Amino acid sequence: MEIVVRLDVVLAQRKMKSKDLAEAIGISVQNLSLLKSGKVKGLRFSTLARICDVLECQPGDLLEAVVVP
């Protein structure tokens, strides 16, 4: 099973730029970019909570479990 980050989809739905989200949650644009691309090995719950708060969504809207054949 693989976890897919759908942050780019939620950002597009909210018509928000990555730069604006990064500023709102207090992380660098580079770190947010790594998160969007799925290249991070972990994510703090506090960061996830801030993202969900700003985007008004649930963690399940941002993360999806996909079965890899």
Protein backbone atom coordinates (compact mmCIF):
# COMPACT_ATOMS: atom_id res chain seq x y z
CA MET A 1 0.00 0.00 0.00
CA GLU A 2 1.18 3.51 -0.78
CA ILE A 3 0.08 6.87 0.64
CA VAL A 4 -0.60 9.51 -2.02
CA VAL A 5 -0.61 13.19 -1.08
CA ARG A 6 -3.51 15.05 -2.72
CA LEU A 7 -2.55 18.50 -1.43
CA ASP A 8 -2.24 19.93 -4.93
CA VAL A 9 -5.83 18.86 -5.71
CA VAL A 10 -7.21 20.48 -2.55
CA LEU A 11 -5.21 23.66 -3.19
CA ALA A 12 -6.66 23.86 -6.71
CA GLN A 13 -10.19 23.32 -5.38
CA ARG A 14 -9.67 26.16 -2.88
CA LYS A 15 -7.99 28.34 -5.55
CA MET A 16 -5.06 28.88 -3.22
CA LYS A 17 -1.39 29.13 -4.15
CA SER A 18 1.28 27.07 -2.42
CA LYS A 19 3.06 30.25 -1.39
CA ASP A 20 -0.04 31.50 0.44
CA LEU A 21 -0.54 28.19 2.24
CA ALA A 22 3.13 28.03 3.25
CA GLU A 23 2.92 31.51 4.76
CA ALA A 24 -0.34 30.72 6.54
CA ILE A 25 1.01 27.57 8.22
CA GLY A 26 4.54 28.81 8.85
CA ILE A 27 6.67 26.51 6.69
CA SER A 28 8.90 27.23 3.71
CA VAL A 29 7.61 26.97 0.16
CA GLN A 30 10.36 24.39 -0.49
CA ASN A 31 9.15 22.14 2.33
CA LEU A 32 5.55 22.48 1.16
CA SER A 33 6.66 21.56 -2.36
CA LEU A 34 8.35 18.41 -1.04
CA LEU A 35 5.16 17.53 0.82
CA LYS A 36 3.00 18.08 -2.28
CA SER A 37 5.25 15.83 -4.35
CA GLY A 38 5.17 13.06 -1.75
CA LYS A 39 8.94 13.13 -1.25
CA VAL A 40 8.79 13.45 2.53
CA LYS A 41 9.12 10.45 4.82
CA GLY A 42 7.01 11.89 7.61
CA LEU A 43 4.63 14.66 8.54
CA ARG A 44 4.02 16.12 11.99
CA PHE A 45 0.43 16.01 13.14
CA SER A 46 0.71 19.67 14.13
CA THR A 47 1.63 20.59 10.54
CA LEU A 48 -1.18 18.44 9.17
CA ALA A 49 -3.61 20.09 11.59
CA ARG A 50 -2.53 23.59 10.50
CA ILE A 51 -2.92 22.65 6.82
CA CYS A 52 -6.41 21.25 7.47
CA ASP A 53 -7.35 24.33 9.48
CA VAL A 54 -6.31 26.75 6.72
CA LEU A 55 -7.82 24.66 3.91
CA GLU A 56 -10.92 23.80 5.95
CA CYS A 57 -10.63 20.10 5.23
CA GLN A 58 -10.00 16.74 6.90
CA PRO A 59 -6.73 14.77 6.78
CA GLY A 60 -8.47 12.19 4.57
CA ASP A 61 -9.00 14.91 1.96
CA LEU A 62 -5.21 15.34 1.72
CA LEU A 63 -3.98 11.75 2.04
CA GLU A 64 -5.15 8.68 0.14
CA ALA A 65 -4.11 5.06 0.59
CA VAL A 66 -3.60 3.34 -2.77
CA VAL A 67 -3.04 -0.38 -3.26
CA VAL A 68 0.02 -0.97 -5.41
CA PRO A 69 -0.17 -4.18 -7.46
